[in-house]
Protein backbone atom coordinates (compact mmCIF):
# COMPACT_ATOMS: atom_id res chain seq x y z
CA UNK A 1 -0.02 -0.02 -0.04
CA UNK A 2 1.54 3.37 -0.99
CA UNK A 3 1.58 6.48 1.24
CA UNK A 4 -1.25 8.17 -0.60
CA UNK A 5 -3.60 5.20 -0.30
CA UNK A 6 -2.75 4.96 3.42
CA UNK A 7 -3.67 8.65 3.90
CA UNK A 8 -6.91 8.10 1.98
CA UNK A 9 -7.75 5.09 4.18
CA UNK A 10 -7.09 7.16 7.29
CA UNK A 11 -9.45 9.90 6.09
CA UNK A 12 -12.21 7.33 5.51
CA UNK A 13 -11.75 5.67 8.79
CA UNK A 14 -11.70 9.10 10.50
CA UNK A 15 -15.00 10.00 8.87
CA UNK A 16 -16.58 6.72 9.80
CA UNK A 17 -15.47 7.07 13.38
CA UNK A 18 -16.91 10.57 13.54
CA UNK A 19 -20.25 9.50 12.27
CA UNK A 20 -20.27 6.60 14.82
CA UNK A 21 -19.51 8.95 17.56
CA UNK A 22 -22.37 11.38 16.61
CA UNK A 23 -24.80 8.48 16.34
CA UNK A 24 -23.98 6.94 19.57
CA UNK A 25 -23.48 10.26 21.53
CA UNK A 26 -27.03 10.14 22.94
CA UNK A 27 -27.51 6.39 23.18
CA UNK A 28 -30.48 5.20 25.02
CA UNK A 29 -28.07 3.22 27.23
CA UNK A 30 -26.45 6.50 28.31
CA UNK A 31 -27.71 9.48 30.17
CA UNK A 32 -25.99 11.82 27.74
CA UNK A 33 -28.76 13.59 25.72
CA UNK A 34 -28.63 16.23 23.00
CA UNK A 35 -30.27 19.59 23.40
CA UNK A 36 -31.38 21.22 20.12
CA UNK A 37 -32.53 24.81 20.32
CA UNK A 38 -35.68 25.00 18.14
CA UNK A 39 -35.37 28.10 15.91
CA UNK A 40 -32.85 29.32 18.63
CA UNK A 41 -34.03 30.14 22.11
CA UNK A 42 -37.36 31.05 20.52
CA UNK A 43 -39.29 31.25 23.70
CA UNK A 44 -37.32 34.20 24.77
CA UNK A 45 -36.19 35.98 21.47
CA UNK A 46 -37.63 36.26 18.00
CA UNK A 47 -37.23 33.01 16.12
CA UNK A 48 -34.44 32.60 13.64
CA UNK A 49 -32.73 35.85 14.53
CA UNK A 50 -29.05 36.15 15.71
CA UNK A 51 -30.43 37.20 19.07
CA UNK A 52 -32.28 33.88 19.38
CA UNK A 53 -29.20 31.97 18.26
CA UNK A 54 -26.84 33.83 20.65
CA UNK A 55 -29.26 33.21 23.55
CA UNK A 56 -29.56 29.46 22.73
CA UNK A 57 -25.69 29.24 22.97
CA UNK A 58 -25.73 31.09 26.31
CA UNK A 59 -28.40 28.68 27.57
CA UNK A 60 -26.27 25.63 26.69
CA UNK A 61 -27.69 24.41 23.41
CA UNK A 62 -25.68 21.39 21.88
CA UNK A 63 -27.11 22.26 18.49
CA UNK A 64 -28.90 25.41 17.09
CA UNK A 65 -31.55 24.75 14.52
CA UNK A 66 -31.83 26.83 11.26
CA UNK A 67 -34.76 26.51 8.85
CA UNK A 68 -33.62 27.40 5.42
CA UNK A 69 -35.25 29.19 2.72
CA UNK A 70 -33.91 30.63 -0.69
CA UNK A 71 -34.13 34.19 -1.71
CA UNK A 72 -34.85 35.37 -5.27
CA UNK A 73 -31.15 35.76 -5.92
CA UNK A 74 -30.28 32.28 -4.54
CA UNK A 75 -29.07 33.04 -1.05
CA UNK A 76 -29.90 30.66 1.87
CA UNK A 77 -31.68 32.54 4.74
CA UNK A 78 -32.93 31.43 8.11
CA UNK A 79 -36.74 31.49 8.27
CA UNK A 80 -39.29 28.82 9.23
CA UNK A 81 -42.16 29.95 6.92
CA UNK A 82 -41.99 29.99 3.22
CA UNK A 83 -43.28 33.60 3.45
CA UNK A 84 -42.35 36.61 5.42
CA UNK A 85 -45.61 38.18 6.73
CA UNK A 86 -45.78 36.35 10.10
CA UNK A 87 -42.39 37.39 11.46
CA UNK A 88 -41.53 40.53 9.61
CA UNK A 89 -43.03 43.94 8.65
CA UNK A 90 -42.92 42.98 4.99
CA UNK A 91 -46.53 44.18 4.54
CA UNK A 92 -45.48 47.72 5.34
CA UNK A 93 -42.28 47.80 3.49
CA UNK A 94 -43.28 46.03 0.25
CA UNK A 95 -47.16 46.30 0.31
CA UNK A 96 -47.57 45.27 -3.30
CA UNK A 97 -45.26 42.34 -3.45
CA UNK A 98 -47.63 39.61 -2.34
CA UNK A 99 -49.14 36.75 -4.13
CA UNK A 100 -52.65 35.25 -3.38
CA UNK A 101 -52.45 31.62 -2.48
CA UNK A 102 -54.86 29.16 -0.87
CA UNK A 103 -53.82 28.15 2.65
CA UNK A 104 -55.98 25.74 4.63
CA UNK A 105 -58.88 26.32 2.28
CA UNK A 106 -58.71 30.17 2.33
CA UNK A 107 -57.15 32.65 0.02
CA UNK A 108 -54.30 34.64 1.74
CA UNK A 109 -51.86 37.31 0.77
CA UNK A 110 -48.33 35.79 1.08
CA UNK A 111 -44.96 37.51 0.70
CA UNK A 112 -42.75 34.54 -0.38
CA UNK A 113 -39.04 34.38 0.42
CA UNK A 114 -38.27 33.36 -3.12
CA UNK A 115 -39.90 36.48 -4.51
CA UNK A 116 -37.66 38.93 -2.72
CA UNK A 117 -33.81 39.50 -3.01
CA UNK A 118 -31.57 39.30 -0.04
CA UNK A 119 -31.11 43.06 -0.09
CA UNK A 120 -34.92 43.56 0.03
CA UNK A 121 -35.24 41.02 2.87
CA UNK A 122 -32.49 42.83 4.81
CA UNK A 123 -34.66 45.95 4.83
CA UNK A 124 -37.24 44.13 7.07
CA UNK A 125 -37.74 44.23 10.82
CA UNK A 126 -37.75 40.62 12.05
CA UNK A 127 -37.93 41.42 15.74
CA UNK A 128 -40.59 44.00 16.56
CA UNK A 129 -43.38 41.38 16.35
CA UNK A 130 -41.85 39.66 19.30
CA UNK A 131 -40.87 42.57 21.45
CA UNK A 132 -39.89 46.27 21.24
CA UNK A 133 -36.37 45.48 22.53
CA UNK A 134 -35.74 43.29 19.36
CA UNK A 135 -36.72 46.04 16.86
CA UNK A 136 -34.41 46.14 13.96
CA UNK A 137 -33.40 42.48 14.04
CA UNK A 138 -32.83 41.09 10.56
CA UNK A 139 -33.55 37.77 8.88
CA UNK A 140 -30.03 36.33 8.97
CA UNK A 141 -28.38 34.44 6.00
CA UNK A 142 -27.27 30.99 6.79
CA UNK A 143 -23.78 32.14 6.47
CA UNK A 144 -24.29 34.71 9.17
CA UNK A 145 -25.79 32.07 11.40
CA UNK A 146 -22.76 29.77 10.74
CA UNK A 147 -20.38 32.64 11.61
CA UNK A 148 -22.11 33.26 14.92
CA UNK A 149 -22.65 29.71 16.06
CA UNK A 150 -19.40 28.14 14.81
CA UNK A 151 -17.09 26.99 17.62
CA UNK A 152 -19.93 27.32 20.26
CA UNK A 153 -22.47 24.73 19.20
CA UNK A 154 -23.48 22.45 16.39
CA UNK A 155 -25.54 23.35 13.31
CA UNK A 156 -28.86 21.63 12.73
CA UNK A 157 -30.18 23.05 9.39
CA UNK A 158 -33.43 21.94 7.98
CA UNK A 159 -34.16 22.07 4.25
CA UNK A 160 -37.73 23.65 4.16
CA UNK A 161 -39.95 22.91 1.24
CA UNK A 162 -37.18 21.68 -1.11
CA UNK A 163 -39.90 20.07 -3.38
CA UNK A 164 -41.47 23.45 -3.95
CA UNK A 165 -38.14 24.97 -4.83
CA UNK A 166 -37.36 21.92 -6.98
CA UNK A 167 -40.46 22.60 -9.00
CA UNK A 168 -39.22 26.13 -9.73
CA UNK A 169 -35.81 24.83 -10.88
CA UNK A 170 -34.07 25.85 -7.62
CA UNK A 171 -31.81 23.15 -6.29
CA UNK A 172 -31.77 23.69 -2.55
CA UNK A 173 -29.61 20.66 -1.67
CA UNK A 174 -26.88 21.97 -3.89
CA UNK A 175 -26.94 25.33 -2.19
CA UNK A 176 -26.60 23.65 1.17
CA UNK A 177 -23.89 21.30 0.00
CA UNK A 178 -21.91 24.14 -1.56
CA UNK A 179 -22.07 26.38 1.52
CA UNK A 180 -21.07 23.52 3.80
CA UNK A 181 -18.07 22.81 1.53
CA UNK A 182 -17.02 26.55 1.46
CA UNK A 183 -17.08 26.51 5.21
CA UNK A 184 -15.18 23.24 5.48
CA UNK A 185 -18.07 21.56 7.27
CA UNK A 186 -19.07 18.92 4.71
CA UNK A 187 -17.53 15.98 6.48
CA UNK A 188 -18.12 14.62 10.02
CA UNK A 189 -15.33 15.64 12.32
CA UNK A 190 -14.10 18.48 10.16
CA UNK A 191 -14.71 20.92 12.93
CA UNK A 192 -15.17 19.10 16.23
CA UNK A 193 -16.53 22.21 17.82
CA UNK A 194 -19.10 22.69 15.18
CA UNK A 195 -20.79 19.26 14.28
CA UNK A 196 -23.43 19.30 11.62
CA UNK A 197 -26.63 17.27 11.39
CA UNK A 198 -28.95 17.76 8.42
CA UNK A 199 -32.71 17.40 8.48
CA UNK A 200 -35.72 17.48 6.24
CA UNK A 201 -39.27 16.06 5.73
CA UNK A 202 -38.29 15.53 2.04
CA UNK A 203 -36.98 12.00 1.36
CA UNK A 204 -35.64 12.95 -2.09
CA UNK A 205 -33.40 15.64 -0.56
CA UNK A 206 -32.11 13.39 2.21
CA UNK A 207 -31.21 10.70 -0.35
CA UNK A 208 -29.31 13.33 -2.22
CA UNK A 209 -27.46 14.47 0.87
CA UNK A 210 -26.69 10.82 1.77
CA UNK A 211 -25.03 10.38 -1.63
CA UNK A 212 -23.04 13.67 -1.67
CA UNK A 213 -22.35 14.07 2.05
CA UNK A 214 -22.26 10.52 3.30
CA UNK A 215 -20.43 11.23 6.59
CA UNK A 216 -22.82 13.80 7.85
CA UNK A 217 -25.80 12.59 9.98
CA UNK A 218 -29.16 13.05 8.49
CA UNK A 219 -32.55 13.16 10.26
CA UNK A 220 -35.78 12.25 8.53
CA UNK A 221 -38.58 14.46 9.94
CA UNK A 222 -42.02 12.81 10.35
CA UNK A 223 -45.05 14.98 10.66
CA UNK A 224 -48.07 14.04 12.95
CA UNK A 225 -50.49 13.23 10.14
CA UNK A 226 -52.51 10.91 12.38
CA UNK A 227 -51.95 9.42 15.83
CA UNK A 228 -53.34 6.25 14.16
CA UNK A 229 -50.45 6.14 11.75
CA UNK A 230 -48.09 3.32 12.66
CA UNK A 231 -44.46 3.50 11.55
CA UNK A 232 -43.73 -0.09 10.68
CA UNK A 233 -40.41 -1.88 10.94
CA UNK A 234 -40.39 -2.10 7.23
CA UNK A 235 -40.73 1.62 6.78
CA UNK A 236 -37.95 2.15 9.40
CA UNK A 237 -35.62 -0.14 7.52
CA UNK A 238 -36.35 2.04 4.34
CA UNK A 239 -35.55 5.15 6.32
CA UNK A 240 -32.24 3.68 7.49
CA UNK A 241 -31.14 3.43 3.91
CA UNK A 242 -31.00 7.26 3.60
CA UNK A 243 -31.16 8.64 7.12
CA UNK A 244 -29.13 8.19 10.31
CA UNK A 245 -32.00 9.28 12.60
CA UNK A 246 -35.68 10.19 12.68
CA UNK A 247 -37.38 13.30 14.02
CA UNK A 248 -41.02 12.39 14.63
CA UNK A 249 -43.62 14.80 16.06
CA UNK A 250 -43.79 13.97 19.75
CA UNK A 251 -47.40 12.80 19.52
CA UNK A 252 -46.24 9.92 17.29
CA UNK A 253 -43.77 8.77 19.93
CA UNK A 254 -46.56 8.92 22.57
CA UNK A 255 -48.90 6.93 20.45
CA UNK A 256 -46.26 4.21 19.77
CA UNK A 257 -43.56 4.36 22.43
CA UNK A 258 -41.97 1.15 21.11
CA UNK A 259 -40.89 3.26 18.20
CA UNK A 260 -37.79 4.36 20.04
CA UNK A 261 -36.57 0.87 20.71
CA UNK A 262 -37.40 -0.32 17.13
CA UNK A 263 -35.55 2.66 15.65
CA UNK A 264 -32.55 2.10 17.98
CA UNK A 265 -32.38 -1.55 16.88
CA UNK A 266 -31.82 -0.29 13.29
CA UNK A 267 -29.14 2.19 14.35
CA UNK A 268 -31.49 5.18 14.03
CA UNK A 269 -31.40 7.91 16.58
CA UNK A 270 -34.72 9.46 17.68
CA UNK A 271 -35.20 13.24 18.02
CA UNK A 272 -38.80 14.34 18.56
CA UNK A 273 -40.16 17.77 18.32
CA UNK A 274 -41.29 20.31 19.60
CA UNK A 275 -41.18 20.95 23.37
CA UNK A 276 -42.25 24.44 24.40
CA UNK A 277 -43.46 26.20 27.54
CA UNK A 278 -46.27 27.93 25.55
CA UNK A 279 -48.03 24.62 24.70
CA UNK A 280 -50.01 22.24 26.89
CA UNK A 281 -48.63 18.89 27.34
CA UNK A 282 -49.67 15.44 28.77
CA UNK A 283 -47.69 15.98 31.90
CA UNK A 284 -47.66 18.72 34.62
CA UNK A 285 -44.95 20.90 33.11
CA UNK A 286 -42.38 21.21 30.46
CA UNK A 287 -39.46 19.75 32.47
CA UNK A 288 -41.52 16.65 33.36
CA UNK A 289 -42.56 16.29 29.70
CA UNK A 290 -38.97 16.47 28.47
CA UNK A 291 -37.69 14.24 31.15
CA UNK A 292 -40.29 11.60 30.33
CA UNK A 293 -39.30 11.53 26.73
CA UNK A 294 -35.57 11.56 27.36
CA UNK A 295 -35.28 9.15 30.29
CA UNK A 296 -38.40 7.04 30.35
CA UNK A 297 -39.09 6.65 26.54
CA UNK A 298 -35.30 6.85 25.82
CA UNK A 299 -35.19 9.42 22.99
CA UNK A 300 -31.68 10.65 22.03
CA UNK A 301 -32.41 14.35 21.67
CA UNK A 302 -35.25 16.75 21.42
CA UNK A 303 -36.18 20.17 19.91
CA UNK A 304 -37.15 22.75 22.39
CA UNK A 305 -37.87 26.50 22.29
CA UNK A 306 -36.67 26.60 26.02
CA UNK A 307 -33.09 25.47 26.14
CA UNK A 308 -32.67 26.71 29.67
CA UNK A 309 -35.29 24.16 30.94
CA UNK A 310 -33.69 21.05 29.31
CA UNK A 311 -33.07 18.29 31.94
CA UNK A 312 -29.53 17.01 31.65
CA UNK A 313 -30.17 14.13 34.21
CA UNK A 314 -33.20 11.94 35.07
């Protein structure tokens, strides 16, 4: 074996070890659990702003989540919705830039992210809706989020609505892959202070990411379509071909608690969503609810708006 091939083998082994470490970090056999700040510390600061990300880090988040959208000029920005009217003052700044779309059976005016350029989106106030003290906060680019979070926590980006972008000829996975490569974060263990886990509800996108970024963990999100929907072992086996973990709505886990053990048996981590102080839950309070999922049901991680209330021990 020549020197070059030995080096190549070492890189491959290093990547495999890094992935294994991430997948076993929150093993059900361990009390080590992962805290994911859902949209940042979004119970206390406007979601997907640098203020929310900064606070999440201060509150001890292991990972900070960024939902990703694409601007008209092809820049990845951090925003949960496909449109801007809920969390910015876009109605005031660009009153005529809406489209009318049917949402839940009703026609609504929507200011879509993909219809505005980055420079236009940067004119918007993304903080005042939450509180006067956050007035002037902007919608951050994903690069700005990376620059802030890097070295302090992991990145947990979600590809939002990639199928919609795909239908318009916009290749969201390529944009994500390119930015990770430009930041040197496209392989597991590349920056041990800034691990990356990718997530999406879109199976096509995750299969693409599995092919092009094989060493990065990938979580397949599962919406709560119905509490009666059973995730079979056959389906879990299919998921394991393109994902390293699942992110089910917490109601799904409550309806079929054996899902955690079955997923673990296939090497899949389980990371349910979303735990928030503003929502009622089946237990007395948020800490009890999170502790039940983490230490009774045995999930590996969870998404919460309240990082400061995450229980590290049973």
